[in-house]
Amino acid sequence: MLFTLAGHLPILCWRAVTGTIDSLLVSQVPLGVLPGREFTAQETTYAAGDLFLVLTDGLTEVFDRADREFGIEGVHAVLAAHARSPLPQVDRSAADGRACTGTQLDDQSLIAIRCL
C-alpha cells in the first residue's frame, strides 16, 4: 500500500500481530506552500486486524488545565488501549481523551481504517 503526507502528522498503524504502533511519515512541505511541488509516496505493508489512524494536529495540540499538551503520546496511549475495539469505540475513546483537555483551538479530524 502506498501513502503520502503533505506536512501532516504521521499516520499511526497499530500492528495486530505484534501490538506495536508504527508512525508512517513522509517529510514534505504542506500542500500548496510551494507552487509546482511534486510529492513522493512510500510503501507500507498491512495484515488482517491492523488499524490505521489518520488524524489532524487539532487532536494532539490541546492542553489540560495544567497546560500539558495531549500530544501524539496521548493518541498513542488511546490507540494502544483500544486498538482491538470496534472502530466506533476507538473514535469514542479518542473523544474521551480530548474531553479531559482544554479548549479546542483547531479542527479535530480522525479517520480509522481496520484491515480485514
PDB file of N, CA and C in Angstrom:
ATOM      1  N   MET A   1       0.849  -1.158   0.000  1.00  0.00           N
ATOM      2  CA  MET A   1       0.000   0.000   0.000  1.00  0.00           C
ATOM      3  C   MET A   1       0.901   1.229   0.000  1.00  0.00           C
ATOM      4  N   LEU A   2       0.580   2.200  -0.837  1.00  0.00           N
ATOM      5  CA  LEU A   2       1.314   3.461  -0.882  1.00  0.00           C
ATOM      6  C   LEU A   2       0.617   4.507  -0.033  1.00  0.00           C
ATOM      7  N   PHE A   3       1.399   5.387   0.587  1.00  0.00           N
ATOM      8  CA  PHE A   3       0.844   6.504   1.346  1.00  0.00           C
ATOM      9  C   PHE A   3       1.744   7.709   1.158  1.00  0.00           C
ATOM     10  N   THR A   4       1.188   8.877   1.392  1.00  0.00           N
ATOM     11  CA  THR A   4       1.972  10.108   1.381  1.00  0.00           C
ATOM     12  C   THR A   4       1.365  11.086   2.368  1.00  0.00           C
ATOM     13  N   LEU A   5       2.130  12.077   2.700  1.00  0.00           N
ATOM     14  CA  LEU A   5       1.692  13.148   3.594  1.00  0.00           C
ATOM     15  C   LEU A   5       2.196  14.461   3.021  1.00  0.00           C
ATOM     16  N   ALA A   6       1.532  15.524   3.364  1.00  0.00           N
ATOM     17  CA  ALA A   6       1.942  16.849   2.892  1.00  0.00           C
ATOM     18  C   ALA A   6       1.933  17.800   4.081  1.00  0.00           C
ATOM     19  N   GLY A   7       2.916  17.638   4.947  1.00  0.00           N
ATOM     20  CA  GLY A   7       3.013  18.489   6.121  1.00  0.00           C
ATOM     21  C   GLY A   7       2.106  18.074   7.259  1.00  0.00           C
ATOM     22  N   HIS A   8       1.608  16.862   7.241  1.00  0.00           N
ATOM     23  CA  HIS A   8       0.689  16.379   8.268  1.00  0.00           C
ATOM     24  C   HIS A   8       1.394  15.496   9.287  1.00  0.00           C
ATOM     25  N   LEU A   9       0.684  15.197  10.350  1.00  0.00           N
ATOM     26  CA  LEU A   9       1.177  14.256  11.354  1.00  0.00           C
ATOM     27  C   LEU A   9       1.376  12.883  10.715  1.00  0.00           C
ATOM     28  N   PRO A  10       2.218  12.058  11.316  1.00  0.00           N
ATOM     29  CA  PRO A  10       2.371  10.697  10.795  1.00  0.00           C
ATOM     30  C   PRO A  10       1.047   9.933  10.861  1.00  0.00           C
ATOM     31  N   ILE A  11       0.891   8.996   9.952  1.00  0.00           N
ATOM     32  CA  ILE A  11      -0.211   8.042  10.033  1.00  0.00           C
ATOM     33  C   ILE A  11       0.218   6.999  11.053  1.00  0.00           C
ATOM     34  N   LEU A  12      -0.644   6.709  11.998  1.00  0.00           N
ATOM     35  CA  LEU A  12      -0.320   5.715  13.016  1.00  0.00           C
ATOM     36  C   LEU A  12      -0.885   4.366  12.593  1.00  0.00           C
ATOM     37  N   CYS A  13      -0.071   3.336  12.689  1.00  0.00           N
ATOM     38  CA  CYS A  13      -0.510   1.990  12.338  1.00  0.00           C
ATOM     39  C   CYS A  13      -0.247   1.062  13.507  1.00  0.00           C
ATOM     40  N   TRP A  14      -1.339   0.553  14.091  1.00  0.00           N
ATOM     41  CA  TRP A  14      -1.238  -0.455  15.145  1.00  0.00           C
ATOM     42  C   TRP A  14      -1.196  -1.808  14.456  1.00  0.00           C
ATOM     43  N   ARG A  15      -0.127  -2.555  14.713  1.00  0.00           N
ATOM     44  CA  ARG A  15       0.075  -3.862  14.088  1.00  0.00           C
ATOM     45  C   ARG A  15      -0.516  -4.948  14.987  1.00  0.00           C
ATOM     46  N   ALA A  16      -1.536  -5.627  14.481  1.00  0.00           N
ATOM     47  CA  ALA A  16      -2.272  -6.621  15.274  1.00  0.00           C
ATOM     48  C   ALA A  16      -1.395  -7.778  15.729  1.00  0.00           C
ATOM     49  N   VAL A  17      -0.476  -8.211  14.916  1.00  0.00           N
ATOM     50  CA  VAL A  17       0.350  -9.369  15.249  1.00  0.00           C
ATOM     51  C   VAL A  17       1.288  -9.062  16.414  1.00  0.00           C
ATOM     52  N   THR A  18       1.853  -7.853  16.437  1.00  0.00           N
ATOM     53  CA  THR A  18       2.844  -7.513  17.461  1.00  0.00           C
ATOM     54  C   THR A  18       2.306  -6.611  18.561  1.00  0.00           C
ATOM     55  N   GLY A  19       1.180  -5.930  18.301  1.00  0.00           N
ATOM     56  CA  GLY A  19       0.641  -4.976  19.259  1.00  0.00           C
ATOM     57  C   GLY A  19       1.451  -3.694  19.351  1.00  0.00           C
ATOM     58  N   THR A  20       2.282  -3.446  18.353  1.00  0.00           N
ATOM     59  CA  THR A  20       3.104  -2.232  18.332  1.00  0.00           C
ATOM     60  C   THR A  20       2.482  -1.178  17.423  1.00  0.00           C
ATOM     61  N   ILE A  21       2.924   0.054  17.602  1.00  0.00           N
ATOM     62  CA  ILE A  21       2.436   1.167  16.783  1.00  0.00           C
ATOM     63  C   ILE A  21       3.592   1.706  15.957  1.00  0.00           C
ATOM     64  N   ASP A  22       3.397   1.738  14.652  1.00  0.00           N
ATOM     65  CA  ASP A  22       4.357   2.346  13.734  1.00  0.00           C
ATOM     66  C   ASP A  22       3.866   3.741  13.369  1.00  0.00           C
ATOM     67  N   SER A  23       4.797   4.674  13.256  1.00  0.00           N
ATOM     68  CA  SER A  23       4.483   6.014  12.760  1.00  0.00           C
ATOM     69  C   SER A  23       4.957   6.086  11.320  1.00  0.00           C
ATOM     70  N   LEU A  24       4.010   6.203  10.401  1.00  0.00           N
ATOM     71  CA  LEU A  24       4.332   6.262   8.978  1.00  0.00           C
ATOM     72  C   LEU A  24       4.471   7.726   8.583  1.00  0.00           C
ATOM     73  N   LEU A  25       5.644   8.095   8.117  1.00  0.00           N
ATOM     74  CA  LEU A  25       5.935   9.504   7.865  1.00  0.00           C
ATOM     75  C   LEU A  25       6.662   9.679   6.547  1.00  0.00           C
ATOM     76  N   VAL A  26       6.250  10.676   5.797  1.00  0.00           N
ATOM     77  CA  VAL A  26       6.957  11.150   4.622  1.00  0.00           C
ATOM     78  C   VAL A  26       7.116  12.652   4.848  1.00  0.00           C
ATOM     79  N   SER A  27       8.328  13.094   5.160  1.00  0.00           N
ATOM     80  CA  SER A  27       8.559  14.512   5.466  1.00  0.00           C
ATOM     81  C   SER A  27       8.523  15.333   4.181  1.00  0.00           C
ATOM     82  N   GLN A  28       7.498  16.163   4.074  1.00  0.00           N
ATOM     83  CA  GLN A  28       7.318  17.017   2.913  1.00  0.00           C
ATOM     84  C   GLN A  28       6.667  18.322   3.360  1.00  0.00           C
ATOM     85  N   VAL A  29       6.769  19.329   2.521  1.00  0.00           N
ATOM     86  CA  VAL A  29       6.163  20.618   2.848  1.00  0.00           C
ATOM     87  C   VAL A  29       4.647  20.503   2.750  1.00  0.00           C
ATOM     88  N   PRO A  30       3.922  21.344   3.490  1.00  0.00           N
ATOM     89  CA  PRO A  30       2.457  21.320   3.389  1.00  0.00           C
ATOM     90  C   PRO A  30       1.978  21.590   1.963  1.00  0.00           C
ATOM     91  N   LEU A  31       0.902  20.951   1.619  1.00  0.00           N
ATOM     92  CA  LEU A  31       0.290  21.093   0.304  1.00  0.00           C
ATOM     93  C   LEU A  31      -0.043  22.552   0.027  1.00  0.00           C
ATOM     94  N   GLY A  32       0.355  23.048  -1.131  1.00  0.00           N
ATOM     95  CA  GLY A  32       0.019  24.402  -1.548  1.00  0.00           C
ATOM     96  C   GLY A  32       1.014  25.466  -1.130  1.00  0.00           C
ATOM     97  N   VAL A  33       2.028  25.126  -0.347  1.00  0.00           N
ATOM     98  CA  VAL A  33       3.002  26.118   0.115  1.00  0.00           C
ATOM     99  C   VAL A  33       3.951  26.529  -1.005  1.00  0.00           C
ATOM    100  N   LEU A  34       4.438  25.563  -1.751  1.00  0.00           N
ATOM    101  CA  LEU A  34       5.361  25.837  -2.849  1.00  0.00           C
ATOM    102  C   LEU A  34       4.706  25.433  -4.162  1.00  0.00           C
ATOM    103  N   PRO A  35       4.484  26.394  -5.056  1.00  0.00           N
ATOM    104  CA  PRO A  35       3.845  26.076  -6.340  1.00  0.00           C
ATOM    105  C   PRO A  35       4.649  25.038  -7.132  1.00  0.00           C
ATOM    106  N   GLY A  36       3.946  24.137  -7.766  1.00  0.00           N
ATOM    107  CA  GLY A  36       4.573  23.141  -8.620  1.00  0.00           C
ATOM    108  C   GLY A  36       5.332  22.052  -7.888  1.00  0.00           C
ATOM    109  N   ARG A  37       5.182  21.986  -6.603  1.00  0.00           N
ATOM    110  CA  ARG A  37       5.903  20.993  -5.790  1.00  0.00           C
ATOM    111  C   ARG A  37       5.403  19.590  -6.111  1.00  0.00           C
ATOM    112  N   GLU A  38       6.330  18.657  -6.301  1.00  0.00           N
ATOM    113  CA  GLU A  38       5.965  17.261  -6.502  1.00  0.00           C
ATOM    114  C   GLU A  38       6.138  16.521  -5.190  1.00  0.00           C
ATOM    115  N   PHE A  39       5.240  15.600  -4.925  1.00  0.00           N
ATOM    116  CA  PHE A  39       5.251  14.850  -3.678  1.00  0.00           C
ATOM    117  C   PHE A  39       5.603  13.398  -3.953  1.00  0.00           C
ATOM    118  N   THR A  40       6.264  12.800  -2.997  1.00  0.00           N
ATOM    119  CA  THR A  40       6.639  11.397  -3.125  1.00  0.00           C
ATOM    120  C   THR A  40       5.760  10.553  -2.200  1.00  0.00           C
ATOM    121  N   ALA A  41       5.759   9.282  -2.466  1.00  0.00           N
ATOM    122  CA  ALA A  41       4.999   8.342  -1.644  1.00  0.00           C
ATOM    123  C   ALA A  41       5.954   7.273  -1.138  1.00  0.00           C
ATOM    124  N   GLN A  42       5.548   6.608  -0.068  1.00  0.00           N
ATOM    125  CA  GLN A  42       6.285   5.464   0.451  1.00  0.00           C
ATOM    126  C   GLN A  42       5.335   4.283   0.538  1.00  0.00           C
ATOM    127  N   GLU A  43       5.908   3.136   0.708  1.00  0.00           N
ATOM    128  CA  GLU A  43       5.110   1.912   0.767  1.00  0.00           C
ATOM    129  C   GLU A  43       5.157   1.323   2.170  1.00  0.00           C
ATOM    130  N   THR A  44       4.038   0.752   2.579  1.00  0.00           N
ATOM    131  CA  THR A  44       3.981   0.012   3.835  1.00  0.00           C
ATOM    132  C   THR A  44       3.175  -1.256   3.604  1.00  0.00           C
ATOM    133  N   THR A  45       3.274  -2.142   4.541  1.00  0.00           N
ATOM    134  CA  THR A  45       2.512  -3.383   4.474  1.00  0.00           C
ATOM    135  C   THR A  45       1.383  -3.326   5.493  1.00  0.00           C
ATOM    136  N   TYR A  46       0.474  -4.246   5.364  1.00  0.00           N
ATOM    137  CA  TYR A  46      -0.601  -4.371   6.344  1.00  0.00           C
ATOM    138  C   TYR A  46      -1.054  -5.815   6.387  1.00  0.00           C
ATOM    139  N   ALA A  47      -1.676  -6.161   7.489  1.00  0.00           N
ATOM    140  CA  ALA A  47      -2.198  -7.509   7.679  1.00  0.00           C
ATOM    141  C   ALA A  47      -3.583  -7.410   8.305  1.00  0.00           C
ATOM    142  N   ALA A  48      -4.296  -8.505   8.273  1.00  0.00           N
ATOM    143  CA  ALA A  48      -5.632  -8.545   8.867  1.00  0.00           C
ATOM    144  C   ALA A  48      -5.556  -8.104  10.329  1.00  0.00           C
ATOM    145  N   GLY A  49      -6.458  -7.212  10.703  1.00  0.00           N
ATOM    146  CA  GLY A  49      -6.522  -6.720  12.068  1.00  0.00           C
ATOM    147  C   GLY A  49      -5.748  -5.441  12.318  1.00  0.00           C
ATOM    148  N   ASP A  50      -4.821  -5.088  11.418  1.00  0.00           N
ATOM    149  CA  ASP A  50      -4.075  -3.833  11.590  1.00  0.00           C
ATOM    150  C   ASP A  50      -5.048  -2.659  11.574  1.00  0.00           C
ATOM    151  N   LEU A  51      -4.692  -1.610  12.293  1.00  0.00           N
ATOM    152  CA  LEU A  51      -5.537  -0.422  12.409  1.00  0.00           C
ATOM    153  C   LEU A  51      -4.710   0.806  12.083  1.00  0.00           C
ATOM    154  N   PHE A  52      -5.173   1.575  11.103  1.00  0.00           N
ATOM    155  CA  PHE A  52      -4.520   2.818  10.712  1.00  0.00           C
ATOM    156  C   PHE A  52      -5.332   3.993  11.250  1.00  0.00           C
ATOM    157  N   LEU A  53      -4.636   4.993  11.804  1.00  0.00           N
ATOM    158  CA  LEU A  53      -5.272   6.248  12.217  1.00  0.00           C
ATOM    159  C   LEU A  53      -4.645   7.396  11.444  1.00  0.00           C
ATOM    160  N   VAL A  54      -5.497   8.142  10.760  1.00  0.00           N
ATOM    161  CA  VAL A  54      -5.093   9.368  10.073  1.00  0.00           C
ATOM    162  C   VAL A  54      -5.745  10.492  10.869  1.00  0.00           C
ATOM    163  N   LEU A  55      -4.945  11.439  11.359  1.00  0.00           N
ATOM    164  CA  LEU A  55      -5.501  12.459  12.240  1.00  0.00           C
ATOM    165  C   LEU A  55      -4.898  13.826  11.981  1.00  0.00           C
ATOM    166  N   THR A  56      -5.621  14.836  12.410  1.00  0.00           N
ATOM    167  CA  THR A  56      -5.134  16.200  12.306  1.00  0.00           C
ATOM    168  C   THR A  56      -4.515  16.637  13.630  1.00  0.00           C
ATOM    169  N   ASP A  57      -3.692  17.675  13.562  1.00  0.00           N
ATOM    170  CA  ASP A  57      -2.997  18.138  14.768  1.00  0.00           C
ATOM    171  C   ASP A  57      -3.924  18.782  15.791  1.00  0.00           C
ATOM    172  N   GLY A  58      -5.159  19.050  15.402  1.00  0.00           N
ATOM    173  CA  GLY A  58      -6.117  19.547  16.382  1.00  0.00           C
ATOM    174  C   GLY A  58      -6.409  18.530  17.474  1.00  0.00           C
ATOM    175  N   LEU A  59      -6.128  17.263  17.204  1.00  0.00           N
ATOM    176  CA  LEU A  59      -6.302  16.210  18.214  1.00  0.00           C
ATOM    177  C   LEU A  59      -5.128  16.150  19.182  1.00  0.00           C
ATOM    178  N   THR A  60      -3.979  16.581  18.740  1.00  0.00           N
ATOM    179  CA  THR A  60      -2.785  16.494  19.584  1.00  0.00           C
ATOM    180  C   THR A  60      -2.451  17.811  20.268  1.00  0.00           C
ATOM    181  N   GLU A  61      -2.810  18.912  19.653  1.00  0.00           N
ATOM    182  CA  GLU A  61      -2.431  20.228  20.166  1.00  0.00           C
ATOM    183  C   GLU A  61      -3.522  20.842  21.034  1.00  0.00           C
ATOM    184  N   VAL A  62      -3.949  20.082  22.024  1.00  0.00           N
ATOM    185  CA  VAL A  62      -4.878  20.570  23.042  1.00  0.00           C
ATOM    186  C   VAL A  62      -4.189  20.399  24.390  1.00  0.00           C
ATOM    187  N   PHE A  63      -4.540  21.239  25.334  1.00  0.00           N
ATOM    188  CA  PHE A  63      -3.838  21.283  26.614  1.00  0.00           C
ATOM    189  C   PHE A  63      -4.827  21.081  27.757  1.00  0.00           C
ATOM    190  N   ASP A  64      -4.347  20.443  28.823  1.00  0.00           N
ATOM    191  CA  ASP A  64      -5.185  20.281  30.002  1.00  0.00           C
ATOM    192  C   ASP A  64      -5.059  21.531  30.886  1.00  0.00           C
ATOM    193  N   ARG A  65      -5.718  21.487  32.009  1.00  0.00           N
ATOM    194  CA  ARG A  65      -5.718  22.659  32.899  1.00  0.00           C
ATOM    195  C   ARG A  65      -4.332  22.983  33.460  1.00  0.00           C
ATOM    196  N   ALA A  66      -3.437  22.006  33.451  1.00  0.00           N
ATOM    197  CA  ALA A  66      -2.063  22.227  33.910  1.00  0.00           C
ATOM    198  C   ALA A  66      -1.152  22.635  32.748  1.00  0.00           C
ATOM    199  N   ASP A  67      -1.756  22.940  31.597  1.00  0.00           N
ATOM    200  CA  ASP A  67      -1.043  23.388  30.399  1.00  0.00           C
ATOM    201  C   ASP A  67      -0.137  22.301  29.811  1.00  0.00           C
ATOM    202  N   ARG A  68      -0.529  21.027  29.997  1.00  0.00           N
ATOM    203  CA  ARG A  68       0.192  19.915  29.383  1.00  0.00           C
ATOM    204  C   ARG A  68      -0.510  19.539  28.085  1.00  0.00           C
ATOM    205  N   GLU A  69       0.267  19.409  27.033  1.00  0.00           N
ATOM    206  CA  GLU A  69      -0.279  19.057  25.720  1.00  0.00           C
ATOM    207  C   GLU A  69      -0.672  17.578  25.687  1.00  0.00           C
ATOM    208  N   PHE A  70      -1.829  17.281  25.073  1.00  0.00           N
ATOM    209  CA  PHE A  70      -2.254  15.883  24.895  1.00  0.00           C
ATOM    210  C   PHE A  70      -1.215  15.161  24.046  1.00  0.00           C
ATOM    211  N   GLY A  71      -0.806  15.748  22.960  1.00  0.00           N
ATOM    212  CA  GLY A  71       0.302  15.268  22.138  1.00  0.00           C
ATOM    213  C   GLY A  71       0.056  13.955  21.431  1.00  0.00           C
ATOM    214  N   ILE A  72       1.007  13.621  20.592  1.00  0.00           N
ATOM    215  CA  ILE A  72       0.933  12.361  19.869  1.00  0.00           C
ATOM    216  C   ILE A  72       1.028  11.186  20.837  1.00  0.00           C
ATOM    217  N   GLU A  73       1.676  11.422  21.991  1.00  0.00           N
ATOM    218  CA  GLU A  73       1.774  10.374  23.005  1.00  0.00           C
ATOM    219  C   GLU A  73       0.393  10.024  23.558  1.00  0.00           C
ATOM    220  N   GLY A  74      -0.460  11.030  23.711  1.00  0.00           N
ATOM    221  CA  GLY A  74      -1.820  10.783  24.174  1.00  0.00           C
ATOM    222  C   GLY A  74      -2.603   9.943  23.180  1.00  0.00           C
ATOM    223  N   VAL A  75      -2.422  10.234  21.895  1.00  0.00           N
ATOM    224  CA  VAL A  75      -3.095   9.449  20.860  1.00  0.00           C
ATOM    225  C   VAL A  75      -2.544   8.027  20.849  1.00  0.00           C
ATOM    226  N   HIS A  76      -1.230   7.871  20.997  1.00  0.00           N
ATOM    227  CA  HIS A  76      -0.626   6.534  21.075  1.00  0.00           C
ATOM    228  C   HIS A  76      -1.244   5.743  22.226  1.00  0.00           C
ATOM    229  N   ALA A  77      -1.411   6.378  23.376  1.00  0.00           N
ATOM    230  CA  ALA A  77      -1.972   5.694  24.546  1.00  0.00           C
ATOM    231  C   ALA A  77      -3.405   5.238  24.280  1.00  0.00           C
ATOM    232  N   VAL A  78      -4.216   6.101  23.678  1.00  0.00           N
ATOM    233  CA  VAL A  78      -5.599   5.740  23.343  1.00  0.00           C
ATOM    234  C   VAL A  78      -5.605   4.599  22.338  1.00  0.00           C
ATOM    235  N   LEU A  79      -4.761   4.690  21.320  1.00  0.00           N
ATOM    236  CA  LEU A  79      -4.703   3.647  20.300  1.00  0.00           C
ATOM    237  C   LEU A  79      -4.274   2.313  20.911  1.00  0.00           C
ATOM    238  N   ALA A  80      -3.237   2.320  21.714  1.00  0.00           N
ATOM    239  CA  ALA A  80      -2.751   1.082  22.334  1.00  0.00           C
ATOM    240  C   ALA A  80      -3.814   0.444  23.227  1.00  0.00           C
ATOM    241  N   ALA A  81      -4.571   1.268  23.940  1.00  0.00           N
ATOM    242  CA  ALA A  81      -5.575   0.757  24.868  1.00  0.00           C
ATOM    243  C   ALA A  81      -6.826   0.237  24.169  1.00  0.00           C
ATOM    244  N   HIS A  82      -7.138   0.750  22.982  1.00  0.00           N
ATOM    245  CA  HIS A  82      -8.424   0.426  22.346  1.00  0.00           C
ATOM    246  C   HIS A  82      -8.295  -0.122  20.928  1.00  0.00           C
ATOM    247  N   ALA A  83      -7.102  -0.520  20.520  1.00  0.00           N
ATOM    248  CA  ALA A  83      -6.878  -0.936  19.137  1.00  0.00           C
ATOM    249  C   ALA A  83      -7.712  -2.138  18.715  1.00  0.00           C
ATOM    250  N   ARG A  84      -8.024  -3.017  19.630  1.00  0.00           N
ATOM    251  CA  ARG A  84      -8.817  -4.208  19.277  1.00  0.00           C
ATOM    252  C   ARG A  84     -10.325  -3.958  19.368  1.00  0.00           C
ATOM    253  N   SER A  85     -10.695  -2.779  19.821  1.00  0.00           N
ATOM    254  CA  SER A  85     -12.116  -2.433  19.958  1.00  0.00           C
ATOM    255  C   SER A  85     -12.733  -2.140  18.592  1.00  0.00           C
ATOM    256  N   PRO A  86     -14.056  -2.214  18.491  1.00  0.00           N
ATOM    257  CA  PRO A  86     -14.730  -1.801  17.252  1.00  0.00           C
ATOM    258  C   PRO A  86     -14.402  -0.334  16.947  1.00  0.00           C
ATOM    259  N   LEU A  87     -14.386   0.021  15.670  1.00  0.00           N
ATOM    260  CA  LEU A  87     -13.998   1.375  15.267  1.00  0.00           C
ATOM    261  C   LEU A  87     -14.782   2.482  15.963  1.00  0.00           C
ATOM    262  N   PRO A  88     -16.108   2.346  16.152  1.00  0.00           N
ATOM    263  CA  PRO A  88     -16.804   3.415  16.881  1.00  0.00           C
ATOM    264  C   PRO A  88     -16.258   3.620  18.294  1.00  0.00           C
ATOM    265  N   GLN A  89     -15.807   2.543  18.937  1.00  0.00           N
ATOM    266  CA  GLN A  89     -15.227   2.666  20.278  1.00  0.00           C
ATOM    267  C   GLN A  89     -13.878   3.365  20.229  1.00  0.00           C
ATOM    268  N   VAL A  90     -13.085   3.097  19.195  1.00  0.00           N
ATOM    269  CA  VAL A  90     -11.797   3.783  19.035  1.00  0.00           C
ATOM    270  C   VAL A  90     -12.047   5.279  18.915  1.00  0.00           C
ATOM    271  N   ASP A  91     -13.035   5.665  18.118  1.00  0.00           N
ATOM    272  CA  ASP A  91     -13.362   7.084  17.946  1.00  0.00           C
ATOM    273  C   ASP A  91     -13.859   7.690  19.259  1.00  0.00           C
ATOM    274  N   ARG A  92     -14.748   6.988  19.963  1.00  0.00           N
ATOM    275  CA  ARG A  92     -15.251   7.494  21.250  1.00  0.00           C
ATOM    276  C   ARG A  92     -14.125   7.629  22.255  1.00  0.00           C
ATOM    277  N   SER A  93     -13.190   6.676  22.256  1.00  0.00           N
ATOM    278  CA  SER A  93     -12.069   6.730  23.189  1.00  0.00           C
ATOM    279  C   SER A  93     -11.174   7.926  22.896  1.00  0.00           C
ATOM    280  N   ALA A  94     -10.964   8.214  21.627  1.00  0.00           N
ATOM    281  CA  ALA A  94     -10.184   9.401  21.268  1.00  0.00           C
ATOM    282  C   ALA A  94     -10.922  10.655  21.711  1.00  0.00           C
ATOM    283  N   ALA A  95     -12.239  10.659  21.566  1.00  0.00           N
ATOM    284  CA  ALA A  95     -13.039  11.806  22.019  1.00  0.00           C
ATOM    285  C   ALA A  95     -12.959  11.949  23.533  1.00  0.00           C
ATOM    286  N   ASP A  96     -12.977  10.827  24.254  1.00  0.00           N
ATOM    287  CA  ASP A  96     -12.846  10.876  25.710  1.00  0.00           C
ATOM    288  C   ASP A  96     -11.501  11.464  26.111  1.00  0.00           C
ATOM    289  N   GLY A  97     -10.448  11.103  25.388  1.00  0.00           N
ATOM    290  CA  GLY A  97      -9.130  11.659  25.663  1.00  0.00           C
ATOM    291  C   GLY A  97      -9.101  13.158  25.456  1.00  0.00           C
ATOM    292  N   ARG A  98      -9.794  13.620  24.444  1.00  0.00           N
ATOM    293  CA  ARG A  98      -9.861  15.060  24.174  1.00  0.00           C
ATOM    294  C   ARG A  98     -10.730  15.767  25.204  1.00  0.00           C
ATOM    295  N   ALA A  99     -11.736  15.076  25.732  1.00  0.00           N
ATOM    296  CA  ALA A  99     -12.675  15.704  26.660  1.00  0.00           C
ATOM    297  C   ALA A  99     -12.004  16.141  27.951  1.00  0.00           C
ATOM    298  N   CYS A 100     -10.918  15.480  28.342  1.00  0.00           N
ATOM    299  CA  CYS A 100     -10.253  15.847  29.587  1.00  0.00           C
ATOM    300  C   CYS A 100      -9.260  16.980  29.372  1.00  0.00           C
ATOM    301  N   THR A 101      -9.236  17.514  28.178  1.00  0.00           N
ATOM    302  CA  THR A 101      -8.291  18.574  27.861  1.00  0.00           C
ATOM    303  C   THR A 101      -9.013  19.910  27.762  1.00  0.00           C
ATOM    304  N   GLY A 102      -8.252  20.923  27.476  1.00  0.00           N
ATOM    305  CA  GLY A 102      -8.780  22.283  27.432  1.00  0.00           C
ATOM    306  C   GLY A 102      -9.525  22.607  26.155  1.00  0.00           C
ATOM    307  N   THR A 103      -9.575  23.868  25.868  1.00  0.00           N
ATOM    308  CA  THR A 103     -10.340  24.403  24.753  1.00  0.00           C
ATOM    309  C   THR A 103      -9.817  23.901  23.414  1.00  0.00           C
ATOM    310  N   GLN A 104     -10.744  23.559  22.530  1.00  0.00           N
ATOM    311  CA  GLN A 104     -10.399  23.157  21.179  1.00  0.00           C
ATOM    312  C   GLN A 104     -10.091  24.408  20.373  1.00  0.00           C
ATOM    313  N   LEU A 105      -8.892  24.477  19.782  1.00  0.00           N
ATOM    314  CA  LEU A 105      -8.478  25.642  19.012  1.00  0.00           C
ATOM    315  C   LEU A 105      -8.327  25.349  17.531  1.00  0.00           C
ATOM    316  N   ASP A 106      -8.424  24.100  17.133  1.00  0.00           N
ATOM    317  CA  ASP A 106      -8.177  23.710  15.748  1.00  0.00           C
ATOM    318  C   ASP A 106      -9.141  22.585  15.388  1.00  0.00           C
ATOM    319  N   ASP A 107      -9.216  22.278  14.081  1.00  0.00           N
ATOM    320  CA  ASP A 107     -10.076  21.174  13.659  1.00  0.00           C
ATOM    321  C   ASP A 107      -9.578  19.879  14.282  1.00  0.00           C
ATOM    322  N   GLN A 108     -10.491  18.985  14.549  1.00  0.00           N
ATOM    323  CA  GLN A 108     -10.156  17.689  15.122  1.00  0.00           C
ATOM    324  C   GLN A 108     -10.781  16.603  14.261  1.00  0.00           C
ATOM    325  N   SER A 109      -9.951  16.029  13.414  1.00  0.00           N
ATOM    326  CA  SER A 109     -10.423  15.002  12.490  1.00  0.00           C
ATOM    327  C   SER A 109      -9.662  13.711  12.704  1.00  0.00           C
ATOM    328  N   LEU A 110     -10.377  12.607  12.590  1.00  0.00           N
ATOM    329  CA  LEU A 110      -9.784  11.287  12.775  1.00  0.00           C
ATOM    330  C   LEU A 110     -10.435  10.325  11.782  1.00  0.00           C
ATOM    331  N   ILE A 111      -9.612   9.593  11.071  1.00  0.00           N
ATOM    332  CA  ILE A 111     -10.080   8.518  10.201  1.00  0.00           C
ATOM    333  C   ILE A 111      -9.440   7.239  10.709  1.00  0.00           C
ATOM    334  N   ALA A 112     -10.247   6.248  11.027  1.00  0.00           N
ATOM    335  CA  ALA A 112      -9.745   4.957  11.492  1.00  0.00           C
ATOM    336  C   ALA A 112     -10.068   3.910  10.426  1.00  0.00           C
ATOM    337  N   ILE A 113      -9.054   3.140  10.052  1.00  0.00           N
ATOM    338  CA  ILE A 113      -9.210   2.123   9.000  1.00  0.00           C
ATOM    339  C   ILE A 113      -8.709   0.799   9.550  1.00  0.00           C
ATOM    340  N   ARG A 114      -9.602  -0.182   9.611  1.00  0.00           N
ATOM    341  CA  ARG A 114      -9.218  -1.525  10.069  1.00  0.00           C
ATOM    342  C   ARG A 114      -9.067  -2.415   8.838  1.00  0.00           C
ATOM    343  N   CYS A 115      -7.961  -3.131   8.764  1.00  0.00           N
ATOM    344  CA  CYS A 115      -7.708  -4.062   7.664  1.00  0.00           C
ATOM    345  C   CYS A 115      -8.387  -5.390   7.949  1.00  0.00           C
ATOM    346  N   LEU A 116      -9.054  -5.909   6.943  1.00  0.00           N
ATOM    347  CA  LEU A 116      -9.760  -7.183   7.098  1.00  0.00           C
ATOM    348  C   LEU A 116      -8.966  -8.312   6.468  1.00  0.00           C
TER     349      LEU A 116
END
